[in-house]
């Protein structure tokens, strides 16, 4: 998805979250910000980074969703249901 967006919109400079390219589900045309899936991010953190579900959730909220890096900060879509 990310590569398709970059190719389709070559004039837009997207701000990406490191290591989470597979979690991109789209972008907001108005603000030109990438949209990431929380459930896909959680899957990456658990499967690729070896975190437990709880560690991944804590990491997500503190280091990813809680990080503001300017007006192009990505949008994180809450599509993850907790047990």
C-alpha atoms as a PDB file:
ATOM      1  CA  UNK A   1       0.000   0.000   0.000  1.00  0.00           C
ATOM      2  CA  UNK A   2       2.721   2.489   0.949  1.00  0.00           C
ATOM      3  CA  UNK A   3       4.681   1.968  -2.260  1.00  0.00           C
ATOM      4  CA  UNK A   4       1.491   2.424  -4.301  1.00  0.00           C
ATOM      5  CA  UNK A   5       0.768   5.712  -2.524  1.00  0.00           C
ATOM      6  CA  UNK A   6       4.296   6.986  -3.097  1.00  0.00           C
ATOM      7  CA  UNK A   7       4.097   6.102  -6.785  1.00  0.00           C
ATOM      8  CA  UNK A   8       0.589   7.536  -7.198  1.00  0.00           C
ATOM      9  CA  UNK A   9       1.381  10.799  -5.414  1.00  0.00           C
ATOM     10  CA  UNK A  10       5.033  11.582  -6.227  1.00  0.00           C
ATOM     11  CA  UNK A  11       4.712  15.243  -5.208  1.00  0.00           C
ATOM     12  CA  UNK A  12       3.676  14.431  -1.632  1.00  0.00           C
ATOM     13  CA  UNK A  13       6.359  13.944   0.998  1.00  0.00           C
ATOM     14  CA  UNK A  14       4.866  11.415   3.386  1.00  0.00           C
ATOM     15  CA  UNK A  15       6.133  11.184   6.954  1.00  0.00           C
ATOM     16  CA  UNK A  16       6.542   7.470   7.725  1.00  0.00           C
ATOM     17  CA  UNK A  17       6.701   5.605  11.020  1.00  0.00           C
ATOM     18  CA  UNK A  18       9.930   3.566  11.077  1.00  0.00           C
ATOM     19  CA  UNK A  19       9.483  -0.148  10.501  1.00  0.00           C
ATOM     20  CA  UNK A  20       5.718   0.022  10.062  1.00  0.00           C
ATOM     21  CA  UNK A  21       5.325   0.275   6.282  1.00  0.00           C
ATOM     22  CA  UNK A  22       3.135  -2.858   6.214  1.00  0.00           C
ATOM     23  CA  UNK A  23       0.643  -1.170   8.574  1.00  0.00           C
ATOM     24  CA  UNK A  24      -0.228   1.679   6.171  1.00  0.00           C
ATOM     25  CA  UNK A  25      -3.884   1.490   5.110  1.00  0.00           C
ATOM     26  CA  UNK A  26      -4.242   4.800   3.260  1.00  0.00           C
ATOM     27  CA  UNK A  27      -3.777   8.531   3.560  1.00  0.00           C
ATOM     28  CA  UNK A  28      -5.831  11.633   4.284  1.00  0.00           C
ATOM     29  CA  UNK A  29      -5.976  13.753   1.143  1.00  0.00           C
ATOM     30  CA  UNK A  30      -6.713  16.978   3.011  1.00  0.00           C
ATOM     31  CA  UNK A  31      -3.739  16.862   5.364  1.00  0.00           C
ATOM     32  CA  UNK A  32      -1.580  14.550   3.182  1.00  0.00           C
ATOM     33  CA  UNK A  33      -0.890  12.334   6.213  1.00  0.00           C
ATOM     34  CA  UNK A  34      -0.489   8.572   6.119  1.00  0.00           C
ATOM     35  CA  UNK A  35      -3.032   6.439   7.961  1.00  0.00           C
ATOM     36  CA  UNK A  36      -1.806   3.408   9.887  1.00  0.00           C
ATOM     37  CA  UNK A  37      -3.849   0.479  11.191  1.00  0.00           C
ATOM     38  CA  UNK A  38      -3.432  -0.077  14.923  1.00  0.00           C
ATOM     39  CA  UNK A  39      -4.177  -3.803  14.552  1.00  0.00           C
ATOM     40  CA  UNK A  40      -1.465  -4.159  11.912  1.00  0.00           C
ATOM     41  CA  UNK A  41       0.998  -2.228  14.062  1.00  0.00           C
ATOM     42  CA  UNK A  42       0.227  -4.515  16.997  1.00  0.00           C
ATOM     43  CA  UNK A  43       0.780  -7.557  14.785  1.00  0.00           C
ATOM     44  CA  UNK A  44       4.174  -6.214  13.668  1.00  0.00           C
ATOM     45  CA  UNK A  45       5.260  -5.475  17.239  1.00  0.00           C
ATOM     46  CA  UNK A  46       4.249  -8.938  18.458  1.00  0.00           C
ATOM     47  CA  UNK A  47       5.392 -11.052  15.513  1.00  0.00           C
ATOM     48  CA  UNK A  48       8.474  -9.215  14.295  1.00  0.00           C
ATOM     49  CA  UNK A  49       9.691  -7.487  17.443  1.00  0.00           C
ATOM     50  CA  UNK A  50       8.828 -10.329  19.834  1.00  0.00           C
ATOM     51  CA  UNK A  51       6.719  -8.285  22.237  1.00  0.00           C
ATOM     52  CA  UNK A  52       3.851  -9.654  24.281  1.00  0.00           C
ATOM     53  CA  UNK A  53       0.401  -8.177  23.585  1.00  0.00           C
ATOM     54  CA  UNK A  54       0.678  -6.020  26.699  1.00  0.00           C
ATOM     55  CA  UNK A  55       4.195  -4.809  25.848  1.00  0.00           C
ATOM     56  CA  UNK A  56       3.089  -4.006  22.294  1.00  0.00           C
ATOM     57  CA  UNK A  57       0.071  -2.049  23.528  1.00  0.00           C
ATOM     58  CA  UNK A  58       2.181  -0.039  25.988  1.00  0.00           C
ATOM     59  CA  UNK A  59       4.822   0.589  23.311  1.00  0.00           C
ATOM     60  CA  UNK A  60       2.166   1.618  20.786  1.00  0.00           C
ATOM     61  CA  UNK A  61       0.543   4.217  23.048  1.00  0.00           C
ATOM     62  CA  UNK A  62       3.758   5.644  24.460  1.00  0.00           C
ATOM     63  CA  UNK A  63       6.109   5.581  21.470  1.00  0.00           C
ATOM     64  CA  UNK A  64       3.899   5.582  18.388  1.00  0.00           C
ATOM     65  CA  UNK A  65       0.438   7.057  18.940  1.00  0.00           C
ATOM     66  CA  UNK A  66       1.772   9.471  21.556  1.00  0.00           C
ATOM     67  CA  UNK A  67       4.525  10.859  19.352  1.00  0.00           C
ATOM     68  CA  UNK A  68       3.907  14.212  17.655  1.00  0.00           C
ATOM     69  CA  UNK A  69       6.465  15.044  14.973  1.00  0.00           C
ATOM     70  CA  UNK A  70       4.854  18.027  13.316  1.00  0.00           C
ATOM     71  CA  UNK A  71       1.902  18.702  11.057  1.00  0.00           C
ATOM     72  CA  UNK A  72       2.604  15.597   8.952  1.00  0.00           C
ATOM     73  CA  UNK A  73       2.420  13.254  11.967  1.00  0.00           C
ATOM     74  CA  UNK A  74       0.689  10.097  10.718  1.00  0.00           C
ATOM     75  CA  UNK A  75      -2.882   9.250  11.663  1.00  0.00           C
ATOM     76  CA  UNK A  76      -3.388   6.046  13.648  1.00  0.00           C
ATOM     77  CA  UNK A  77      -6.698   4.296  13.073  1.00  0.00           C
ATOM     78  CA  UNK A  78      -8.062   2.431  16.107  1.00  0.00           C
ATOM     79  CA  UNK A  79      -9.209  -0.839  14.563  1.00  0.00           C
ATOM     80  CA  UNK A  80      -7.930  -3.105  17.316  1.00  0.00           C
ATOM     81  CA  UNK A  81     -10.301  -4.783  19.729  1.00  0.00           C
ATOM     82  CA  UNK A  82      -9.017  -5.671  23.164  1.00  0.00           C
ATOM     83  CA  UNK A  83      -9.963  -8.968  24.814  1.00  0.00           C
END
